[in-house]
Amino acid sequence: MNLWLVLLIISVLFLVLEMFTPTLFFINLSIAAAISAFIAYCGYSGTIITFVFLIVSIAAIGLVRPFLLNKMNSDDKNQSTGLDDKYIGKIAGVIEDVTKTNGRISIYGEEWQAKLKNDDSETCIKTGEQVKIISNDNIIFTVEKLKEN
């Protein structure tokens, strides 16, 4: 079997391994193996192929992986709940007294955990009152008492 074909199979195996362990580590080795397969296909010696694999692996792990991890983590922070800030600024009804540490609200027929913002002068918002959603921390909304006009 040709060396380039072996390297291409190794590249695919690294891709499969990455799918089962999404660490963004094996994808770099897969890229390095694919590039090495191309170098082998072009007819270069085993020493050059090994050197290319090592250099590309180290470069990808050292440069590309941190970039991908940073990008993935920033996306997780922005979309960790999938709420897309559609509730921020909306009015909700209190269905369980809301304090600075816990409570429950209802909006659009959905129930959510809620708490008062830390600098709020209110100590408790009673069931049946309305609140304005200020922000969310994962699935817990921070709310304030609705200002009456």
C-alpha atoms as a PDB file:
ATOM      1  CA  MET A   1       0.000   0.000   0.000  1.00  0.00           C
ATOM      2  CA  ASN A   2       1.260   3.463  -0.813  1.00  0.00           C
ATOM      3  CA  LEU A   3       2.435   5.722   2.013  1.00  0.00           C
ATOM      4  CA  TRP A   4       0.178   8.566   0.914  1.00  0.00           C
ATOM      5  CA  LEU A   5      -2.856   6.293   1.164  1.00  0.00           C
ATOM      6  CA  VAL A   6      -1.874   5.165   4.652  1.00  0.00           C
ATOM      7  CA  LEU A   7      -1.498   8.797   5.735  1.00  0.00           C
ATOM      8  CA  LEU A   8      -4.874   9.669   4.226  1.00  0.00           C
ATOM      9  CA  ILE A   9      -6.505   6.826   6.175  1.00  0.00           C
ATOM     10  CA  ILE A  10      -4.767   8.033   9.335  1.00  0.00           C
ATOM     11  CA  SER A  11      -6.113  11.519   8.642  1.00  0.00           C
ATOM     12  CA  VAL A  12      -9.671  10.171   8.417  1.00  0.00           C
ATOM     13  CA  LEU A  13      -9.171   8.164  11.620  1.00  0.00           C
ATOM     14  CA  PHE A  14      -8.052  11.319  13.425  1.00  0.00           C
ATOM     15  CA  LEU A  15     -11.199  13.061  12.155  1.00  0.00           C
ATOM     16  CA  VAL A  16     -13.385  10.255  13.490  1.00  0.00           C
ATOM     17  CA  LEU A  17     -11.536  10.366  16.805  1.00  0.00           C
ATOM     18  CA  GLU A  18     -12.150  14.134  16.993  1.00  0.00           C
ATOM     19  CA  MET A  19     -15.878  13.560  16.523  1.00  0.00           C
ATOM     20  CA  PHE A  20     -15.952  11.311  19.598  1.00  0.00           C
ATOM     21  CA  THR A  21     -13.668  13.507  21.704  1.00  0.00           C
ATOM     22  CA  PRO A  22     -14.373  17.125  20.697  1.00  0.00           C
ATOM     23  CA  THR A  23     -11.178  18.562  22.162  1.00  0.00           C
ATOM     24  CA  LEU A  24      -9.946  20.277  18.995  1.00  0.00           C
ATOM     25  CA  PHE A  25      -6.720  18.285  19.330  1.00  0.00           C
ATOM     26  CA  PHE A  26      -7.096  15.427  16.869  1.00  0.00           C
ATOM     27  CA  ILE A  27      -8.374  17.747  14.135  1.00  0.00           C
ATOM     28  CA  ASN A  28      -4.896  19.281  14.055  1.00  0.00           C
ATOM     29  CA  LEU A  29      -3.286  15.871  13.638  1.00  0.00           C
ATOM     30  CA  SER A  30      -5.802  15.064  10.929  1.00  0.00           C
ATOM     31  CA  ILE A  31      -4.832  18.189   9.003  1.00  0.00           C
ATOM     32  CA  ALA A  32      -1.150  17.381   9.439  1.00  0.00           C
ATOM     33  CA  ALA A  33      -1.693  13.811   8.209  1.00  0.00           C
ATOM     34  CA  ALA A  34      -3.663  15.049   5.189  1.00  0.00           C
ATOM     35  CA  ILE A  35      -0.921  17.514   4.238  1.00  0.00           C
ATOM     36  CA  SER A  36       1.684  14.803   4.752  1.00  0.00           C
ATOM     37  CA  ALA A  37      -0.359  12.488   2.520  1.00  0.00           C
ATOM     38  CA  PHE A  38      -0.239  15.122  -0.214  1.00  0.00           C
ATOM     39  CA  ILE A  39       3.538  15.492   0.239  1.00  0.00           C
ATOM     40  CA  ALA A  40       3.907  11.691   0.045  1.00  0.00           C
ATOM     41  CA  TYR A  41       1.744  11.610  -3.076  1.00  0.00           C
ATOM     42  CA  CYS A  42       4.084  14.155  -4.672  1.00  0.00           C
ATOM     43  CA  GLY A  43       6.937  11.698  -4.143  1.00  0.00           C
ATOM     44  CA  TYR A  44       8.992  13.273  -1.379  1.00  0.00           C
ATOM     45  CA  SER A  45      11.084  11.134   0.958  1.00  0.00           C
ATOM     46  CA  GLY A  46       9.941   9.744   4.295  1.00  0.00           C
ATOM     47  CA  THR A  47      12.210  12.163   6.163  1.00  0.00           C
ATOM     48  CA  ILE A  48      10.570  15.187   4.557  1.00  0.00           C
ATOM     49  CA  ILE A  49       7.093  13.711   5.107  1.00  0.00           C
ATOM     50  CA  THR A  50       7.864  13.133   8.798  1.00  0.00           C
ATOM     51  CA  PHE A  51       9.288  16.638   9.131  1.00  0.00           C
ATOM     52  CA  VAL A  52       6.181  18.161   7.469  1.00  0.00           C
ATOM     53  CA  PHE A  53       3.879  16.149   9.757  1.00  0.00           C
ATOM     54  CA  LEU A  54       5.729  17.297  12.876  1.00  0.00           C
ATOM     55  CA  ILE A  55       5.920  20.957  11.854  1.00  0.00           C
ATOM     56  CA  VAL A  56       2.277  21.161  10.768  1.00  0.00           C
ATOM     57  CA  SER A  57       1.121  19.314  13.920  1.00  0.00           C
ATOM     58  CA  ILE A  58       3.061  21.589  16.251  1.00  0.00           C
ATOM     59  CA  ALA A  59       1.992  24.723  14.391  1.00  0.00           C
ATOM     60  CA  ALA A  60      -1.660  23.682  14.321  1.00  0.00           C
ATOM     61  CA  ILE A  61      -1.728  22.686  17.984  1.00  0.00           C
ATOM     62  CA  GLY A  62       0.185  25.795  19.061  1.00  0.00           C
ATOM     63  CA  LEU A  63      -1.503  28.374  16.846  1.00  0.00           C
ATOM     64  CA  VAL A  64      -4.788  27.125  15.453  1.00  0.00           C
ATOM     65  CA  ARG A  65      -6.110  25.214  18.482  1.00  0.00           C
ATOM     66  CA  PRO A  66      -5.999  28.196  20.898  1.00  0.00           C
ATOM     67  CA  PHE A  67      -7.762  30.336  18.300  1.00  0.00           C
ATOM     68  CA  LEU A  68     -10.483  27.701  17.796  1.00  0.00           C
ATOM     69  CA  LEU A  69     -10.909  27.154  21.545  1.00  0.00           C
ATOM     70  CA  ASN A  70     -11.202  30.898  22.122  1.00  0.00           C
ATOM     71  CA  LYS A  71     -13.757  31.192  19.332  1.00  0.00           C
ATOM     72  CA  MET A  72     -15.722  28.231  20.643  1.00  0.00           C
ATOM     73  CA  ASN A  73     -15.716  29.554  24.222  1.00  0.00           C
ATOM     74  CA  SER A  74     -16.809  33.046  23.172  1.00  0.00           C
ATOM     75  CA  ASP A  75     -19.675  31.531  21.161  1.00  0.00           C
ATOM     76  CA  ASP A  76     -20.686  29.469  24.198  1.00  0.00           C
ATOM     77  CA  LYS A  77     -20.784  32.579  26.380  1.00  0.00           C
ATOM     78  CA  ASN A  78     -22.904  34.472  23.880  1.00  0.00           C
ATOM     79  CA  GLN A  79     -25.339  31.659  23.176  1.00  0.00           C
ATOM     80  CA  SER A  80     -25.142  29.386  26.183  1.00  0.00           C
ATOM     81  CA  THR A  81     -28.878  29.529  26.793  1.00  0.00           C
ATOM     82  CA  GLY A  82     -30.139  30.010  23.272  1.00  0.00           C
ATOM     83  CA  LEU A  83     -32.306  32.855  24.579  1.00  0.00           C
ATOM     84  CA  ASP A  84     -30.715  35.437  22.283  1.00  0.00           C
ATOM     85  CA  ASP A  85     -31.784  38.210  24.684  1.00  0.00           C
ATOM     86  CA  LYS A  86     -35.367  38.038  23.424  1.00  0.00           C
ATOM     87  CA  TYR A  87     -36.657  38.304  26.996  1.00  0.00           C
ATOM     88  CA  ILE A  88     -34.504  41.247  28.092  1.00  0.00           C
ATOM     89  CA  GLY A  89     -36.648  44.329  28.695  1.00  0.00           C
ATOM     90  CA  LYS A  90     -39.907  42.352  28.613  1.00  0.00           C
ATOM     91  CA  ILE A  91     -42.574  42.311  31.300  1.00  0.00           C
ATOM     92  CA  ALA A  92     -43.233  39.082  33.217  1.00  0.00           C
ATOM     93  CA  GLY A  93     -45.614  38.011  35.957  1.00  0.00           C
ATOM     94  CA  VAL A  94     -44.352  36.787  39.312  1.00  0.00           C
ATOM     95  CA  ILE A  95     -45.672  33.303  40.124  1.00  0.00           C
ATOM     96  CA  GLU A  96     -43.507  32.721  43.206  1.00  0.00           C
ATOM     97  CA  ASP A  97     -42.153  35.521  45.407  1.00  0.00           C
ATOM     98  CA  VAL A  98     -38.903  36.865  43.943  1.00  0.00           C
ATOM     99  CA  THR A  99     -36.058  37.705  46.336  1.00  0.00           C
ATOM    100  CA  LYS A 100     -32.391  38.504  45.780  1.00  0.00           C
ATOM    101  CA  THR A 101     -31.638  34.778  45.625  1.00  0.00           C
ATOM    102  CA  ASN A 102     -34.660  33.004  44.131  1.00  0.00           C
ATOM    103  CA  GLY A 103     -38.181  33.154  42.788  1.00  0.00           C
ATOM    104  CA  ARG A 104     -40.171  32.252  39.680  1.00  0.00           C
ATOM    105  CA  ILE A 105     -41.667  34.288  36.872  1.00  0.00           C
ATOM    106  CA  SER A 106     -43.857  33.519  33.894  1.00  0.00           C
ATOM    107  CA  ILE A 107     -43.471  34.987  30.417  1.00  0.00           C
ATOM    108  CA  TYR A 108     -44.996  33.793  27.148  1.00  0.00           C
ATOM    109  CA  GLY A 109     -46.513  30.860  29.037  1.00  0.00           C
ATOM    110  CA  GLU A 110     -43.078  29.667  30.203  1.00  0.00           C
ATOM    111  CA  GLU A 111     -41.850  29.541  33.787  1.00  0.00           C
ATOM    112  CA  TRP A 112     -38.325  30.714  34.649  1.00  0.00           C
ATOM    113  CA  GLN A 113     -36.215  31.111  37.753  1.00  0.00           C
ATOM    114  CA  ALA A 114     -35.656  34.722  38.733  1.00  0.00           C
ATOM    115  CA  LYS A 115     -33.895  36.883  41.277  1.00  0.00           C
ATOM    116  CA  LEU A 116     -33.743  40.579  42.084  1.00  0.00           C
ATOM    117  CA  LYS A 117     -30.744  42.563  40.964  1.00  0.00           C
ATOM    118  CA  ASN A 118     -28.244  43.083  43.790  1.00  0.00           C
ATOM    119  CA  ASP A 119     -28.568  46.864  44.018  1.00  0.00           C
ATOM    120  CA  ASP A 120     -32.391  46.777  44.075  1.00  0.00           C
ATOM    121  CA  SER A 121     -33.949  48.445  47.134  1.00  0.00           C
ATOM    122  CA  GLU A 122     -36.797  45.922  47.071  1.00  0.00           C
ATOM    123  CA  THR A 123     -36.308  42.851  49.240  1.00  0.00           C
ATOM    124  CA  CYS A 124     -39.163  40.832  47.771  1.00  0.00           C
ATOM    125  CA  ILE A 125     -41.640  41.099  44.919  1.00  0.00           C
ATOM    126  CA  LYS A 126     -44.857  39.285  45.728  1.00  0.00           C
ATOM    127  CA  THR A 127     -46.732  36.744  43.638  1.00  0.00           C
ATOM    128  CA  GLY A 128     -49.100  38.401  41.158  1.00  0.00           C
ATOM    129  CA  GLU A 129     -46.981  41.526  40.622  1.00  0.00           C
ATOM    130  CA  GLN A 130     -45.206  42.323  37.395  1.00  0.00           C
ATOM    131  CA  VAL A 131     -41.470  42.666  36.837  1.00  0.00           C
ATOM    132  CA  LYS A 132     -39.184  43.819  34.081  1.00  0.00           C
ATOM    133  CA  ILE A 133     -36.442  41.408  32.977  1.00  0.00           C
ATOM    134  CA  ILE A 134     -33.047  43.133  33.161  1.00  0.00           C
ATOM    135  CA  SER A 135     -30.621  40.344  32.231  1.00  0.00           C
ATOM    136  CA  ASN A 136     -30.086  36.619  32.341  1.00  0.00           C
ATOM    137  CA  ASP A 137     -27.362  34.424  33.744  1.00  0.00           C
ATOM    138  CA  ASN A 138     -27.867  31.130  31.951  1.00  0.00           C
ATOM    139  CA  ILE A 139     -31.468  30.266  32.833  1.00  0.00           C
ATOM    140  CA  ILE A 140     -31.932  32.598  35.800  1.00  0.00           C
ATOM    141  CA  PHE A 141     -33.400  35.988  34.988  1.00  0.00           C
ATOM    142  CA  THR A 142     -32.486  39.104  36.921  1.00  0.00           C
ATOM    143  CA  VAL A 143     -35.550  41.294  37.348  1.00  0.00           C
ATOM    144  CA  GLU A 144     -36.693  44.571  38.850  1.00  0.00           C
ATOM    145  CA  LYS A 145     -40.087  45.682  40.021  1.00  0.00           C
ATOM    146  CA  LEU A 146     -42.094  47.283  37.253  1.00  0.00           C
ATOM    147  CA  LYS A 147     -42.205  51.035  37.725  1.00  0.00           C
ATOM    148  CA  GLU A 148     -45.773  52.268  37.967  1.00  0.00           C
ATOM    149  CA  ASN A 149     -46.697  55.309  35.906  1.00  0.00           C
END
